[in-house]
Amino acid sequence: MNLPPSEHFGNPLIRGIAEIHIPDPVPWTPSAPGWILLFAILMATGLGLFFRLWKRWKGNAYRRRALNILKRLKQTDGRAEQTVLLPGLLKSTALQAFPRALVASLYGEKWIAFLESRYAEPGFRENAGKHLLTISYRNPETWNLSGDQIEAVFSFAGRWIKHHRREDEPL
């Protein structure tokens, strides 16, 4: 039952005041073309950055695999039959990153020079490089390497796998 408003009903101070009209909601789409252009530029930049990072992540899959293998080799506590696999791991990692014609024929001092050229570490040839050659070309019974020396070679191998620069990467 609707009764007509009476003079005596309600608050007398607000009689005669009109109802507030709420404006239309603000649209989500910008009205100026500059904002649309800015949004398009930001989206293109974001997508480009995403694809670049994704390509780098995919391109470094060989590094992650090699580091997992290295981790498993390290868990053997320096046993010779597992340590002897380390030079092969470095060579296969290098074959993933560099042209086969450049890497496959390298051995001895040339191999050590190549490793050093793609990841410069002071004193590598005299320390880990010398021990890597021992592991590569000598019988494990004739190594005469301490646990610390073998650990230094493993440590270098991990650093080289993580930080070497491929042919398509700047030095």
Protein backbone atom coordinates (compact mmCIF):
# COMPACT_ATOMS: atom_id res chain seq x y z
CA MET A 1 0.00 0.00 0.00
CA ASN A 2 1.62 3.20 -1.24
CA LEU A 3 0.64 6.33 0.53
CA PRO A 4 1.34 9.71 -0.90
CA PRO A 5 4.12 11.57 0.93
CA SER A 6 2.76 13.80 3.60
CA GLU A 7 4.16 17.00 4.96
CA HIS A 8 4.49 15.54 8.39
CA PHE A 9 6.33 12.37 7.41
CA GLY A 10 10.18 12.06 7.36
CA ASN A 11 12.89 14.61 8.05
CA PRO A 12 11.70 18.18 7.38
CA LEU A 13 15.30 19.35 6.73
CA ILE A 14 15.68 17.35 3.53
CA ARG A 15 12.32 18.15 1.93
CA GLY A 16 12.69 19.46 -1.57
CA ILE A 17 16.13 17.99 -2.17
CA ALA A 18 16.37 16.06 -5.41
CA GLU A 19 17.74 12.53 -5.58
CA ILE A 20 21.44 12.23 -6.46
CA HIS A 21 22.00 10.79 -9.92
CA ILE A 22 24.96 8.41 -10.08
CA PRO A 23 27.08 8.89 -13.24
CA ASP A 24 27.62 6.11 -15.74
CA PRO A 25 30.44 3.74 -14.84
CA VAL A 26 33.84 4.57 -16.24
CA PRO A 27 34.65 2.28 -19.20
CA TRP A 28 37.64 -0.04 -19.03
CA THR A 29 38.75 0.90 -22.52
CA PRO A 30 40.74 4.12 -22.69
CA SER A 31 39.19 6.93 -24.67
CA ALA A 32 42.46 8.49 -25.91
CA PRO A 33 44.41 6.72 -28.68
CA GLY A 34 47.72 7.42 -26.90
CA TRP A 35 46.76 5.06 -24.09
CA ILE A 36 45.88 2.33 -26.57
CA LEU A 37 49.24 2.79 -28.29
CA LEU A 38 51.08 2.71 -24.94
CA PHE A 39 49.25 -0.47 -23.96
CA ALA A 40 50.14 -2.11 -27.29
CA ILE A 41 53.80 -1.14 -26.90
CA LEU A 42 53.91 -2.50 -23.34
CA MET A 43 52.26 -5.76 -24.41
CA ALA A 44 54.68 -6.21 -27.32
CA THR A 45 57.66 -5.47 -25.06
CA GLY A 46 56.38 -7.88 -22.41
CA LEU A 47 55.80 -10.66 -24.94
CA GLY A 48 59.21 -10.07 -26.51
CA LEU A 49 60.89 -10.27 -23.10
CA PHE A 50 58.95 -13.41 -22.21
CA PHE A 51 59.94 -15.18 -25.45
CA ARG A 52 63.55 -14.10 -25.09
CA LEU A 53 63.72 -15.49 -21.54
CA TRP A 54 61.93 -18.65 -22.63
CA LYS A 55 64.38 -19.14 -25.52
CA ARG A 56 67.34 -18.66 -23.13
CA TRP A 57 65.83 -21.14 -20.66
CA LYS A 58 65.29 -23.71 -23.43
CA GLY A 59 68.77 -23.03 -24.82
CA ASN A 60 70.33 -23.79 -21.42
CA ALA A 61 68.64 -27.18 -21.04
CA TYR A 62 71.93 -28.91 -21.87
CA ARG A 63 73.56 -27.07 -18.95
CA ARG A 64 70.89 -28.23 -16.51
CA ARG A 65 71.25 -31.84 -17.70
CA ALA A 66 75.04 -31.70 -17.40
CA LEU A 67 74.84 -30.20 -13.90
CA ASN A 68 72.47 -32.99 -12.83
CA ILE A 69 74.90 -35.61 -14.14
CA LEU A 70 77.78 -33.83 -12.41
CA LYS A 71 75.83 -33.82 -9.16
CA ARG A 72 75.30 -37.58 -9.43
CA LEU A 73 79.00 -38.11 -10.19
CA LYS A 74 79.97 -36.03 -7.13
CA GLN A 75 77.79 -38.18 -4.90
CA THR A 76 80.09 -41.14 -5.57
CA ASP A 77 82.72 -39.60 -3.23
CA GLY A 78 85.56 -39.51 -5.73
CA ARG A 79 85.54 -43.15 -6.82
CA ALA A 80 87.78 -43.53 -9.85
CA GLU A 81 85.24 -45.37 -12.02
CA GLN A 82 82.85 -42.41 -11.70
CA THR A 83 85.46 -39.65 -11.75
CA VAL A 84 86.82 -40.91 -15.05
CA LEU A 85 83.46 -39.95 -16.62
CA LEU A 86 84.04 -36.26 -15.84
CA PRO A 87 86.15 -35.40 -18.94
CA GLY A 88 83.52 -37.03 -21.15
CA LEU A 89 80.83 -34.95 -19.49
CA LEU A 90 82.76 -31.75 -20.23
CA LYS A 91 83.33 -32.83 -23.85
CA SER A 92 79.66 -33.70 -24.41
CA THR A 93 78.60 -30.39 -22.85
CA ALA A 94 80.98 -28.52 -25.15
CA LEU A 95 79.61 -30.44 -28.15
CA GLN A 96 76.13 -29.19 -27.25
CA ALA A 97 77.25 -25.56 -27.16
CA PHE A 98 79.85 -25.34 -29.92
CA PRO A 99 80.17 -26.61 -33.49
CA ARG A 100 81.26 -30.23 -33.72
CA ALA A 101 84.08 -29.35 -36.13
CA LEU A 102 85.56 -27.03 -33.51
CA VAL A 103 85.32 -29.28 -30.45
CA ALA A 104 85.36 -32.94 -31.47
CA SER A 105 89.01 -33.14 -32.50
CA LEU A 106 90.42 -31.31 -29.46
CA TYR A 107 92.48 -33.24 -26.92
CA GLY A 108 95.31 -32.66 -24.45
CA GLU A 109 96.63 -29.13 -24.13
CA LYS A 110 94.47 -27.88 -27.00
CA TRP A 111 91.37 -29.12 -25.16
CA ILE A 112 92.45 -27.36 -21.97
CA ALA A 113 93.19 -24.18 -23.95
CA PHE A 114 89.71 -24.35 -25.47
CA LEU A 115 88.06 -24.76 -22.06
CA GLU A 116 90.09 -21.85 -20.74
CA SER A 117 89.24 -19.64 -23.74
CA ARG A 118 85.50 -20.01 -23.21
CA TYR A 119 85.65 -19.46 -19.44
CA ALA A 120 88.67 -17.61 -18.17
CA GLU A 121 89.66 -18.67 -14.68
CA PRO A 122 93.01 -17.58 -13.25
CA GLY A 123 95.40 -20.47 -12.73
CA PHE A 124 93.20 -23.05 -14.45
CA ARG A 125 95.95 -24.66 -16.54
CA GLU A 126 98.27 -25.13 -13.58
CA ASN A 127 95.62 -26.50 -11.21
CA ALA A 128 92.38 -28.05 -12.41
CA GLY A 129 93.50 -28.23 -16.03
CA LYS A 130 96.56 -30.33 -15.17
CA HIS A 131 94.44 -32.64 -13.01
CA LEU A 132 91.77 -32.90 -15.71
CA LEU A 133 94.44 -34.11 -18.14
CA THR A 134 95.58 -36.66 -15.56
CA ILE A 135 92.02 -37.96 -15.16
CA SER A 136 91.50 -37.99 -18.93
CA TYR A 137 94.58 -39.84 -20.11
CA ARG A 138 96.04 -41.85 -17.25
CA ASN A 139 95.04 -45.08 -15.63
CA PRO A 140 93.22 -44.38 -12.32
CA GLU A 141 95.83 -46.40 -10.40
CA THR A 142 98.54 -43.92 -11.53
CA TRP A 143 96.65 -40.69 -10.81
CA ASN A 144 98.26 -39.80 -7.47
CA LEU A 145 95.56 -37.17 -6.94
CA SER A 146 94.28 -36.26 -3.52
CA GLY A 147 90.62 -35.88 -2.71
CA ASP A 148 91.06 -32.09 -2.70
CA GLN A 149 92.56 -32.14 -6.19
CA ILE A 150 89.72 -34.25 -7.53
CA GLU A 151 87.26 -31.91 -5.80
CA ALA A 152 88.97 -28.95 -7.51
CA VAL A 153 88.40 -30.59 -10.90
CA PHE A 154 84.74 -31.24 -10.06
CA SER A 155 84.38 -27.67 -8.85
CA PHE A 156 85.90 -26.28 -12.04
CA ALA A 157 83.69 -28.53 -14.16
CA GLY A 158 80.60 -27.21 -12.39
CA ARG A 159 81.68 -23.61 -12.83
CA TRP A 160 82.58 -24.17 -16.49
CA ILE A 161 79.24 -25.82 -17.25
CA LYS A 162 77.34 -22.98 -15.55
CA HIS A 163 79.30 -20.02 -16.86
CA HIS A 164 80.92 -20.85 -20.21
CA ARG A 165 79.93 -18.72 -23.17
CA ARG A 166 78.54 -20.31 -26.30
CA GLU A 167 79.44 -19.17 -29.79
CA ASP A 168 76.24 -17.11 -30.10
CA GLU A 169 76.71 -15.40 -26.72
CA PRO A 170 78.95 -12.38 -26.21
CA LEU A 171 81.98 -12.85 -24.00
